Structures are given as C-alpha cells and as structure tokens.
mmCIF file of all heavy atoms, coordinates in Angstrom:
data_MODEL
# 
_entry.id   MODEL 
# 
loop_
_atom_site.group_PDB 
_atom_site.id 
_atom_site.type_symbol 
_atom_site.label_atom_id 
_atom_site.label_alt_id 
_atom_site.label_comp_id 
_atom_site.label_asym_id 
_atom_site.label_entity_id 
_atom_site.label_seq_id 
_atom_site.pdbx_PDB_ins_code 
_atom_site.Cartn_x 
_atom_site.Cartn_y 
_atom_site.Cartn_z 
_atom_site.occupancy 
_atom_site.B_iso_or_equiv 
_atom_site.pdbx_formal_charge 
_atom_site.auth_seq_id 
_atom_site.auth_comp_id 
_atom_site.auth_asym_id 
_atom_site.auth_atom_id 
_atom_site.pdbx_PDB_model_num 
ATOM 1   N N   . VAL A 1 1  ? -5.969  33.606 -2.755 1.00 0.00 ? 1  VAL A N   1 
ATOM 2   C CA  . VAL A 1 1  ? -4.754  33.123 -3.411 1.00 0.00 ? 1  VAL A CA  1 
ATOM 3   C C   . VAL A 1 1  ? -3.943  32.269 -2.439 1.00 0.00 ? 1  VAL A C   1 
ATOM 4   O O   . VAL A 1 1  ? -3.467  31.173 -2.787 1.00 0.00 ? 1  VAL A O   1 
ATOM 5   C CB  . VAL A 1 1  ? -3.909  34.305 -3.929 1.00 0.00 ? 1  VAL A CB  1 
ATOM 6   C CG1 . VAL A 1 1  ? -2.491  33.844 -4.279 1.00 0.00 ? 1  VAL A CG1 1 
ATOM 7   C CG2 . VAL A 1 1  ? -4.557  34.916 -5.159 1.00 0.00 ? 1  VAL A CG2 1 
ATOM 8   N N   . MET A 1 2  ? -3.792  32.741 -1.202 1.00 0.00 ? 2  MET A N   1 
ATOM 9   C CA  . MET A 1 2  ? -3.041  31.975 -0.212 1.00 0.00 ? 2  MET A CA  1 
ATOM 10  C C   . MET A 1 2  ? -3.731  30.656 0.100  1.00 0.00 ? 2  MET A C   1 
ATOM 11  O O   . MET A 1 2  ? -3.074  29.633 0.326  1.00 0.00 ? 2  MET A O   1 
ATOM 12  C CB  . MET A 1 2  ? -2.865  32.799 1.061  1.00 0.00 ? 2  MET A CB  1 
ATOM 13  C CG  . MET A 1 2  ? -1.953  34.000 0.897  1.00 0.00 ? 2  MET A CG  1 
ATOM 14  S SD  . MET A 1 2  ? -1.491  34.816 2.462  1.00 0.00 ? 2  MET A SD  1 
ATOM 15  C CE  . MET A 1 2  ? -3.095  35.274 3.118  1.00 0.00 ? 2  MET A CE  1 
ATOM 16  N N   . GLY A 1 3  ? -5.070  30.656 0.118  1.00 0.00 ? 3  GLY A N   1 
ATOM 17  C CA  . GLY A 1 3  ? -5.796  29.405 0.350  1.00 0.00 ? 3  GLY A CA  1 
ATOM 18  C C   . GLY A 1 3  ? -5.563  28.397 -0.750 1.00 0.00 ? 3  GLY A C   1 
ATOM 19  O O   . GLY A 1 3  ? -5.341  27.204 -0.490 1.00 0.00 ? 3  GLY A O   1 
ATOM 20  N N   . ALA A 1 4  ? -5.598  28.861 -2.001 1.00 0.00 ? 4  ALA A N   1 
ATOM 21  C CA  . ALA A 1 4  ? -5.364  27.962 -3.133 1.00 0.00 ? 4  ALA A CA  1 
ATOM 22  C C   . ALA A 1 4  ? -3.940  27.415 -3.119 1.00 0.00 ? 4  ALA A C   1 
ATOM 23  O O   . ALA A 1 4  ? -3.711  26.221 -3.367 1.00 0.00 ? 4  ALA A O   1 
ATOM 24  C CB  . ALA A 1 4  ? -5.646  28.696 -4.441 1.00 0.00 ? 4  ALA A CB  1 
ATOM 25  N N   . VAL A 1 5  ? -2.972  28.294 -2.815 1.00 0.00 ? 5  VAL A N   1 
ATOM 26  C CA  . VAL A 1 5  ? -1.577  27.859 -2.747 1.00 0.00 ? 5  VAL A CA  1 
ATOM 27  C C   . VAL A 1 5  ? -1.387  26.857 -1.617 1.00 0.00 ? 5  VAL A C   1 
ATOM 28  O O   . VAL A 1 5  ? -0.672  25.860 -1.755 1.00 0.00 ? 5  VAL A O   1 
ATOM 29  C CB  . VAL A 1 5  ? -0.652  29.075 -2.569 1.00 0.00 ? 5  VAL A CB  1 
ATOM 30  C CG1 . VAL A 1 5  ? 0.774   28.642 -2.266 1.00 0.00 ? 5  VAL A CG1 1 
ATOM 31  C CG2 . VAL A 1 5  ? -0.665  29.941 -3.826 1.00 0.00 ? 5  VAL A CG2 1 
ATOM 32  N N   . TRP A 1 6  ? -2.037  27.114 -0.492 1.00 0.00 ? 6  TRP A N   1 
ATOM 33  C CA  . TRP A 1 6  ? -1.932  26.197 0.667  1.00 0.00 ? 6  TRP A CA  1 
ATOM 34  C C   . TRP A 1 6  ? -2.416  24.804 0.282  1.00 0.00 ? 6  TRP A C   1 
ATOM 35  O O   . TRP A 1 6  ? -1.731  23.805 0.533  1.00 0.00 ? 6  TRP A O   1 
ATOM 36  C CB  . TRP A 1 6  ? -2.754  26.754 1.816  1.00 0.00 ? 6  TRP A CB  1 
ATOM 37  C CG  . TRP A 1 6  ? -2.632  25.987 3.113  1.00 0.00 ? 6  TRP A CG  1 
ATOM 38  C CD1 . TRP A 1 6  ? -3.114  24.734 3.376  1.00 0.00 ? 6  TRP A CD1 1 
ATOM 39  C CD2 . TRP A 1 6  ? -1.969  26.430 4.301  1.00 0.00 ? 6  TRP A CD2 1 
ATOM 40  N NE1 . TRP A 1 6  ? -2.801  24.375 4.661  1.00 0.00 ? 6  TRP A NE1 1 
ATOM 41  C CE2 . TRP A 1 6  ? -2.103  25.385 5.250  1.00 0.00 ? 6  TRP A CE2 1 
ATOM 42  C CE3 . TRP A 1 6  ? -1.300  27.595 4.666  1.00 0.00 ? 6  TRP A CE3 1 
ATOM 43  C CZ2 . TRP A 1 6  ? -1.573  25.492 6.542  1.00 0.00 ? 6  TRP A CZ2 1 
ATOM 44  C CZ3 . TRP A 1 6  ? -0.777  27.692 5.950  1.00 0.00 ? 6  TRP A CZ3 1 
ATOM 45  C CH2 . TRP A 1 6  ? -0.917  26.651 6.869  1.00 0.00 ? 6  TRP A CH2 1 
ATOM 46  N N   . LEU A 1 7  ? -3.587  24.722 -0.342 1.00 0.00 ? 7  LEU A N   1 
ATOM 47  C CA  . LEU A 1 7  ? -4.132  23.424 -0.727 1.00 0.00 ? 7  LEU A CA  1 
ATOM 48  C C   . LEU A 1 7  ? -3.258  22.737 -1.775 1.00 0.00 ? 7  LEU A C   1 
ATOM 49  O O   . LEU A 1 7  ? -3.001  21.524 -1.696 1.00 0.00 ? 7  LEU A O   1 
ATOM 50  C CB  . LEU A 1 7  ? -5.554  23.598 -1.272 1.00 0.00 ? 7  LEU A CB  1 
ATOM 51  C CG  . LEU A 1 7  ? -6.617  24.020 -0.255 1.00 0.00 ? 7  LEU A CG  1 
ATOM 52  C CD1 . LEU A 1 7  ? -7.951  24.242 -0.958 1.00 0.00 ? 7  LEU A CD1 1 
ATOM 53  C CD2 . LEU A 1 7  ? -6.773  22.983 0.845  1.00 0.00 ? 7  LEU A CD2 1 
ATOM 54  N N   . ALA A 1 8  ? -2.807  23.511 -2.764 1.00 0.00 ? 8  ALA A N   1 
ATOM 55  C CA  . ALA A 1 8  ? -1.990  22.928 -3.831 1.00 0.00 ? 8  ALA A CA  1 
ATOM 56  C C   . ALA A 1 8  ? -0.693  22.350 -3.269 1.00 0.00 ? 8  ALA A C   1 
ATOM 57  O O   . ALA A 1 8  ? -0.267  21.257 -3.670 1.00 0.00 ? 8  ALA A O   1 
ATOM 58  C CB  . ALA A 1 8  ? -1.692  23.981 -4.894 1.00 0.00 ? 8  ALA A CB  1 
ATOM 59  N N   . ARG A 1 9  ? -0.087  23.045 -2.347 1.00 0.00 ? 9  ARG A N   1 
ATOM 60  C CA  . ARG A 1 9  ? 1.187   22.574 -1.795 1.00 0.00 ? 9  ARG A CA  1 
ATOM 61  C C   . ARG A 1 9  ? 0.989   21.376 -0.876 1.00 0.00 ? 9  ARG A C   1 
ATOM 62  O O   . ARG A 1 9  ? 1.789   20.444 -0.877 1.00 0.00 ? 9  ARG A O   1 
ATOM 63  C CB  . ARG A 1 9  ? 1.880   23.711 -1.043 1.00 0.00 ? 9  ARG A CB  1 
ATOM 64  C CG  . ARG A 1 9  ? 2.456   24.755 -1.990 1.00 0.00 ? 9  ARG A CG  1 
ATOM 65  C CD  . ARG A 1 9  ? 3.226   25.829 -1.270 1.00 0.00 ? 9  ARG A CD  1 
ATOM 66  N NE  . ARG A 1 9  ? 3.836   26.739 -2.227 1.00 0.00 ? 9  ARG A NE  1 
ATOM 67  C CZ  . ARG A 1 9  ? 4.367   27.895 -1.910 1.00 0.00 ? 9  ARG A CZ  1 
ATOM 68  N NH1 . ARG A 1 9  ? 4.356   28.294 -0.652 1.00 0.00 ? 9  ARG A NH1 1 
ATOM 69  N NH2 . ARG A 1 9  ? 4.910   28.660 -2.830 1.00 0.00 ? 9  ARG A NH2 1 
ATOM 70  N N   . GLN A 1 10 ? -0.083  21.401 -0.094 1.00 0.00 ? 10 GLN A N   1 
ATOM 71  C CA  . GLN A 1 10 ? -0.318  20.285 0.825  1.00 0.00 ? 10 GLN A CA  1 
ATOM 72  C C   . GLN A 1 10 ? -0.721  19.014 0.088  1.00 0.00 ? 10 GLN A C   1 
ATOM 73  O O   . GLN A 1 10 ? -0.559  17.914 0.625  1.00 0.00 ? 10 GLN A O   1 
ATOM 74  C CB  . GLN A 1 10 ? -1.387  20.662 1.842  1.00 0.00 ? 10 GLN A CB  1 
ATOM 75  C CG  . GLN A 1 10 ? -0.956  21.710 2.851  1.00 0.00 ? 10 GLN A CG  1 
ATOM 76  C CD  . GLN A 1 10 ? 0.287   21.301 3.604  1.00 0.00 ? 10 GLN A CD  1 
ATOM 77  O OE1 . GLN A 1 10 ? 1.328   21.949 3.493  1.00 0.00 ? 10 GLN A OE1 1 
ATOM 78  N NE2 . GLN A 1 10 ? 0.209   20.230 4.355  1.00 0.00 ? 10 GLN A NE2 1 
ATOM 79  N N   . LEU A 1 11 ? -1.257  19.153 -1.117 1.00 0.00 ? 11 LEU A N   1 
ATOM 80  C CA  . LEU A 1 11 ? -1.714  17.986 -1.876 1.00 0.00 ? 11 LEU A CA  1 
ATOM 81  C C   . LEU A 1 11 ? -0.736  17.586 -2.983 1.00 0.00 ? 11 LEU A C   1 
ATOM 82  O O   . LEU A 1 11 ? -1.034  16.684 -3.769 1.00 0.00 ? 11 LEU A O   1 
ATOM 83  C CB  . LEU A 1 11 ? -3.089  18.272 -2.496 1.00 0.00 ? 11 LEU A CB  1 
ATOM 84  C CG  . LEU A 1 11 ? -4.229  18.458 -1.483 1.00 0.00 ? 11 LEU A CG  1 
ATOM 85  C CD1 . LEU A 1 11 ? -5.512  18.857 -2.199 1.00 0.00 ? 11 LEU A CD1 1 
ATOM 86  C CD2 . LEU A 1 11 ? -4.444  17.194 -0.659 1.00 0.00 ? 11 LEU A CD2 1 
ATOM 87  N N   . THR A 1 12 ? 0.407   18.232 -3.036 1.00 0.00 ? 12 THR A N   1 
ATOM 88  C CA  . THR A 1 12 ? 1.390   17.913 -4.077 1.00 0.00 ? 12 THR A CA  1 
ATOM 89  C C   . THR A 1 12 ? 1.840   16.459 -3.962 1.00 0.00 ? 12 THR A C   1 
ATOM 90  O O   . THR A 1 12 ? 2.300   16.015 -2.912 1.00 0.00 ? 12 THR A O   1 
ATOM 91  C CB  . THR A 1 12 ? 2.620   18.833 -3.952 1.00 0.00 ? 12 THR A CB  1 
ATOM 92  O OG1 . THR A 1 12 ? 2.207   20.187 -4.119 1.00 0.00 ? 12 THR A OG1 1 
ATOM 93  C CG2 . THR A 1 12 ? 3.651   18.488 -5.011 1.00 0.00 ? 12 THR A CG2 1 
ATOM 94  N N   . GLY A 1 13 ? 1.662   15.708 -5.042 1.00 0.00 ? 13 GLY A N   1 
ATOM 95  C CA  . GLY A 1 13 ? 2.110   14.324 -5.086 1.00 0.00 ? 13 GLY A CA  1 
ATOM 96  C C   . GLY A 1 13 ? 1.217   13.332 -4.379 1.00 0.00 ? 13 GLY A C   1 
ATOM 97  O O   . GLY A 1 13 ? 1.582   12.159 -4.237 1.00 0.00 ? 13 GLY A O   1 
ATOM 98  N N   . ILE A 1 14 ? 0.015   13.758 -3.943 1.00 0.00 ? 14 ILE A N   1 
ATOM 99  C CA  . ILE A 1 14 ? -0.835  12.852 -3.171 1.00 0.00 ? 14 ILE A CA  1 
ATOM 100 C C   . ILE A 1 14 ? -1.373  11.701 -4.025 1.00 0.00 ? 14 ILE A C   1 
ATOM 101 O O   . ILE A 1 14 ? -1.859  10.690 -3.502 1.00 0.00 ? 14 ILE A O   1 
ATOM 102 C CB  . ILE A 1 14 ? -2.005  13.628 -2.527 1.00 0.00 ? 14 ILE A CB  1 
ATOM 103 C CG1 . ILE A 1 14 ? -2.623  12.793 -1.387 1.00 0.00 ? 14 ILE A CG1 1 
ATOM 104 C CG2 . ILE A 1 14 ? -3.053  14.009 -3.562 1.00 0.00 ? 14 ILE A CG2 1 
ATOM 105 C CD1 . ILE A 1 14 ? -3.627  13.532 -0.560 1.00 0.00 ? 14 ILE A CD1 1 
ATOM 106 N N   . GLU A 1 15 ? -1.269  11.832 -5.371 1.00 0.00 ? 15 GLU A N   1 
ATOM 107 C CA  . GLU A 1 15 ? -1.716  10.732 -6.217 1.00 0.00 ? 15 GLU A CA  1 
ATOM 108 C C   . GLU A 1 15 ? -0.893  9.465  -5.973 1.00 0.00 ? 15 GLU A C   1 
ATOM 109 O O   . GLU A 1 15 ? -1.328  8.354  -6.313 1.00 0.00 ? 15 GLU A O   1 
ATOM 110 C CB  . GLU A 1 15 ? -1.625  11.131 -7.694 1.00 0.00 ? 15 GLU A CB  1 
ATOM 111 C CG  . GLU A 1 15 ? -0.244  11.514 -8.175 1.00 0.00 ? 15 GLU A CG  1 
ATOM 112 C CD  . GLU A 1 15 ? 0.071   12.974 -7.939 1.00 0.00 ? 15 GLU A CD  1 
ATOM 113 O OE1 . GLU A 1 15 ? -0.751  13.666 -7.297 1.00 0.00 ? 15 GLU A OE1 1 
ATOM 114 O OE2 . GLU A 1 15 ? 1.140   13.419 -8.397 1.00 0.00 ? 15 GLU A OE2 1 
ATOM 115 N N   . ALA A 1 16 ? 0.277   9.618  -5.350 1.00 0.00 ? 16 ALA A N   1 
ATOM 116 C CA  . ALA A 1 16 ? 1.091   8.454  -4.995 1.00 0.00 ? 16 ALA A CA  1 
ATOM 117 C C   . ALA A 1 16 ? 0.533   7.724  -3.780 1.00 0.00 ? 16 ALA A C   1 
ATOM 118 O O   . ALA A 1 16 ? 0.999   6.635  -3.449 1.00 0.00 ? 16 ALA A O   1 
ATOM 119 C CB  . ALA A 1 16 ? 2.537   8.876  -4.732 1.00 0.00 ? 16 ALA A CB  1 
ATOM 120 N N   . PHE A 1 17 ? -0.466  8.330  -3.136 1.00 0.00 ? 17 PHE A N   1 
ATOM 121 C CA  . PHE A 1 17 ? -1.104  7.729  -1.965 1.00 0.00 ? 17 PHE A CA  1 
ATOM 122 C C   . PHE A 1 17 ? -2.604  7.705  -2.212 1.00 0.00 ? 17 PHE A C   1 
ATOM 123 O O   . PHE A 1 17 ? -3.338  8.593  -1.774 1.00 0.00 ? 17 PHE A O   1 
ATOM 124 C CB  . PHE A 1 17 ? -0.753  8.539  -0.715 1.00 0.00 ? 17 PHE A CB  1 
ATOM 125 C CG  . PHE A 1 17 ? -1.336  7.997  0.558  1.00 0.00 ? 17 PHE A CG  1 
ATOM 126 C CD1 . PHE A 1 17 ? -1.347  6.638  0.841  1.00 0.00 ? 17 PHE A CD1 1 
ATOM 127 C CD2 . PHE A 1 17 ? -1.882  8.864  1.500  1.00 0.00 ? 17 PHE A CD2 1 
ATOM 128 C CE1 . PHE A 1 17 ? -1.891  6.149  2.012  1.00 0.00 ? 17 PHE A CE1 1 
ATOM 129 C CE2 . PHE A 1 17 ? -2.423  8.386  2.678  1.00 0.00 ? 17 PHE A CE2 1 
ATOM 130 C CZ  . PHE A 1 17 ? -2.429  7.025  2.932  1.00 0.00 ? 17 PHE A CZ  1 
ATOM 131 N N   . PRO A 1 18 ? -3.122  6.707  -2.920 1.00 0.00 ? 18 PRO A N   1 
ATOM 132 C CA  . PRO A 1 18 ? -4.533  6.688  -3.323 1.00 0.00 ? 18 PRO A CA  1 
ATOM 133 C C   . PRO A 1 18 ? -5.516  6.791  -2.161 1.00 0.00 ? 18 PRO A C   1 
ATOM 134 O O   . PRO A 1 18 ? -6.572  7.421  -2.305 1.00 0.00 ? 18 PRO A O   1 
ATOM 135 C CB  . PRO A 1 18 ? -4.667  5.335  -4.044 1.00 0.00 ? 18 PRO A CB  1 
ATOM 136 C CG  . PRO A 1 18 ? -3.281  5.011  -4.502 1.00 0.00 ? 18 PRO A CG  1 
ATOM 137 C CD  . PRO A 1 18 ? -2.372  5.565  -3.453 1.00 0.00 ? 18 PRO A CD  1 
ATOM 138 N N   . ASP A 1 19 ? -5.206  6.186  -1.013 1.00 0.00 ? 19 ASP A N   1 
ATOM 139 C CA  . ASP A 1 19 ? -6.124  6.257  0.118  1.00 0.00 ? 19 ASP A CA  1 
ATOM 140 C C   . ASP A 1 19 ? -6.291  7.698  0.592  1.00 0.00 ? 19 ASP A C   1 
ATOM 141 O O   . ASP A 1 19 ? -7.401  8.126  0.945  1.00 0.00 ? 19 ASP A O   1 
ATOM 142 C CB  . ASP A 1 19 ? -5.617  5.387  1.269  1.00 0.00 ? 19 ASP A CB  1 
ATOM 143 C CG  . ASP A 1 19 ? -5.768  3.904  0.965  1.00 0.00 ? 19 ASP A CG  1 
ATOM 144 O OD1 . ASP A 1 19 ? -6.516  3.575  0.026  1.00 0.00 ? 19 ASP A OD1 1 
ATOM 145 O OD2 . ASP A 1 19 ? -5.133  3.087  1.662  1.00 0.00 ? 19 ASP A OD2 1 
ATOM 146 N N   . GLY A 1 20 ? -5.194  8.444  0.602  1.00 0.00 ? 20 GLY A N   1 
ATOM 147 C CA  . GLY A 1 20 ? -5.261  9.851  1.001  1.00 0.00 ? 20 GLY A CA  1 
ATOM 148 C C   . GLY A 1 20 ? -6.036  10.673 -0.014 1.00 0.00 ? 20 GLY A C   1 
ATOM 149 O O   . GLY A 1 20 ? -6.844  11.527 0.350  1.00 0.00 ? 20 GLY A O   1 
ATOM 150 N N   . ALA A 1 21 ? -5.801  10.410 -1.296 1.00 0.00 ? 21 ALA A N   1 
ATOM 151 C CA  . ALA A 1 21 ? -6.534  11.117 -2.343 1.00 0.00 ? 21 ALA A CA  1 
ATOM 152 C C   . ALA A 1 21 ? -8.020  10.801 -2.265 1.00 0.00 ? 21 ALA A C   1 
ATOM 153 O O   . ALA A 1 21 ? -8.872  11.659 -2.551 1.00 0.00 ? 21 ALA A O   1 
ATOM 154 C CB  . ALA A 1 21 ? -5.986  10.748 -3.712 1.00 0.00 ? 21 ALA A CB  1 
ATOM 155 N N   . GLY A 1 22 ? -8.346  9.571  -1.849 1.00 0.00 ? 22 GLY A N   1 
ATOM 156 C CA  . GLY A 1 22 ? -9.742  9.188  -1.713 1.00 0.00 ? 22 GLY A CA  1 
ATOM 157 C C   . GLY A 1 22 ? -10.459 9.914  -0.598 1.00 0.00 ? 22 GLY A C   1 
ATOM 158 O O   . GLY A 1 22 ? -11.686 10.053 -0.627 1.00 0.00 ? 22 GLY A O   1 
ATOM 159 N N   . ILE A 1 23 ? -9.711  10.405 0.404  1.00 0.00 ? 23 ILE A N   1 
ATOM 160 C CA  . ILE A 1 23 ? -10.305 11.168 1.502  1.00 0.00 ? 23 ILE A CA  1 
ATOM 161 C C   . ILE A 1 23 ? -10.412 12.646 1.149  1.00 0.00 ? 23 ILE A C   1 
ATOM 162 O O   . ILE A 1 23 ? -11.451 13.278 1.347  1.00 0.00 ? 23 ILE A O   1 
ATOM 163 C CB  . ILE A 1 23 ? -9.478  10.988 2.794  1.00 0.00 ? 23 ILE A CB  1 
ATOM 164 C CG1 . ILE A 1 23 ? -9.648  9.563  3.336  1.00 0.00 ? 23 ILE A CG1 1 
ATOM 165 C CG2 . ILE A 1 23 ? -9.892  12.000 3.853  1.00 0.00 ? 23 ILE A CG2 1 
ATOM 166 C CD1 . ILE A 1 23 ? -8.844  9.287  4.580  1.00 0.00 ? 23 ILE A CD1 1 
ATOM 167 N N   . THR A 1 24 ? -9.328  13.198 0.624  1.00 0.00 ? 24 THR A N   1 
ATOM 168 C CA  . THR A 1 24 ? -9.299  14.646 0.368  1.00 0.00 ? 24 THR A CA  1 
ATOM 169 C C   . THR A 1 24 ? -10.119 15.047 -0.851 1.00 0.00 ? 24 THR A C   1 
ATOM 170 O O   . THR A 1 24 ? -10.709 16.128 -0.873 1.00 0.00 ? 24 THR A O   1 
ATOM 171 C CB  . THR A 1 24 ? -7.846  15.118 0.161  1.00 0.00 ? 24 THR A CB  1 
ATOM 172 O OG1 . THR A 1 24 ? -7.259  14.383 -0.925 1.00 0.00 ? 24 THR A OG1 1 
ATOM 173 C CG2 . THR A 1 24 ? -7.037  14.885 1.424  1.00 0.00 ? 24 THR A CG2 1 
ATOM 174 N N   . GLY A 1 25 ? -10.182 14.178 -1.859 1.00 0.00 ? 25 GLY A N   1 
ATOM 175 C CA  . GLY A 1 25 ? -10.931 14.511 -3.072 1.00 0.00 ? 25 GLY A CA  1 
ATOM 176 C C   . GLY A 1 25 ? -12.402 14.798 -2.802 1.00 0.00 ? 25 GLY A C   1 
ATOM 177 O O   . GLY A 1 25 ? -12.899 15.883 -3.135 1.00 0.00 ? 25 GLY A O   1 
ATOM 178 N N   . PRO A 1 26 ? -13.146 13.871 -2.201 1.00 0.00 ? 26 PRO A N   1 
ATOM 179 C CA  . PRO A 1 26 ? -14.563 14.129 -1.896 1.00 0.00 ? 26 PRO A CA  1 
ATOM 180 C C   . PRO A 1 26 ? -14.772 15.301 -0.958 1.00 0.00 ? 26 PRO A C   1 
ATOM 181 O O   . PRO A 1 26 ? -15.752 16.041 -1.082 1.00 0.00 ? 26 PRO A O   1 
ATOM 182 C CB  . PRO A 1 26 ? -15.027 12.817 -1.251 1.00 0.00 ? 26 PRO A CB  1 
ATOM 183 C CG  . PRO A 1 26 ? -14.078 11.783 -1.772 1.00 0.00 ? 26 PRO A CG  1 
ATOM 184 C CD  . PRO A 1 26 ? -12.763 12.480 -1.911 1.00 0.00 ? 26 PRO A CD  1 
ATOM 185 N N   . MET A 1 27 ? -13.821 15.495 -0.002 1.00 0.00 ? 27 MET A N   1 
ATOM 186 C CA  . MET A 1 27 ? -13.978 16.603 0.944  1.00 0.00 ? 27 MET A CA  1 
ATOM 187 C C   . MET A 1 27 ? -13.923 17.948 0.210  1.00 0.00 ? 27 MET A C   1 
ATOM 188 O O   . MET A 1 27 ? -14.772 18.831 0.408  1.00 0.00 ? 27 MET A O   1 
ATOM 189 C CB  . MET A 1 27 ? -12.872 16.546 1.989  1.00 0.00 ? 27 MET A CB  1 
ATOM 190 C CG  . MET A 1 27 ? -12.955 17.645 3.039  1.00 0.00 ? 27 MET A CG  1 
ATOM 191 S SD  . MET A 1 27 ? -11.534 17.680 4.163  1.00 0.00 ? 27 MET A SD  1 
ATOM 192 C CE  . MET A 1 27 ? -10.299 18.383 3.065  1.00 0.00 ? 27 MET A CE  1 
ATOM 193 N N   . LEU A 1 28 ? -12.936 18.129 -0.659 1.00 0.00 ? 28 LEU A N   1 
ATOM 194 C CA  . LEU A 1 28 ? -12.814 19.375 -1.409 1.00 0.00 ? 28 LEU A CA  1 
ATOM 195 C C   . LEU A 1 28 ? -13.928 19.532 -2.428 1.00 0.00 ? 28 LEU A C   1 
ATOM 196 O O   . LEU A 1 28 ? -14.403 20.637 -2.675 1.00 0.00 ? 28 LEU A O   1 
ATOM 197 C CB  . LEU A 1 28 ? -11.443 19.431 -2.093 1.00 0.00 ? 28 LEU A CB  1 
ATOM 198 C CG  . LEU A 1 28 ? -10.234 19.460 -1.156 1.00 0.00 ? 28 LEU A CG  1 
ATOM 199 C CD1 . LEU A 1 28 ? -8.946  19.467 -1.962 1.00 0.00 ? 28 LEU A CD1 1 
ATOM 200 C CD2 . LEU A 1 28 ? -10.284 20.672 -0.237 1.00 0.00 ? 28 LEU A CD2 1 
ATOM 201 N N   . ALA A 1 29 ? -14.346 18.414 -3.009 1.00 0.00 ? 29 ALA A N   1 
ATOM 202 C CA  . ALA A 1 29 ? -15.448 18.481 -3.984 1.00 0.00 ? 29 ALA A CA  1 
ATOM 203 C C   . ALA A 1 29 ? -16.741 18.924 -3.308 1.00 0.00 ? 29 ALA A C   1 
ATOM 204 O O   . ALA A 1 29 ? -17.499 19.745 -3.861 1.00 0.00 ? 29 ALA A O   1 
ATOM 205 C CB  . ALA A 1 29 ? -15.622 17.127 -4.652 1.00 0.00 ? 29 ALA A CB  1 
# 
C-alpha cells in the first residue's frame, strides 16, 4: 500500500510534463 501511494504521489500531475511521463511510463510497465 505504501509503495502504491508513493508512486501515485510522486507521479501526480506528470502528464503536464510529457518527457517525464515518457520515461516513467515504460519503466513501470
């Protein structure tokens, strides 16, 4: 639960930064 919350909070609003989303998305996938 803490891991999921950690990721959700650190990625909040990252869609406003497409380059960052492009790095984190494939890594988590």
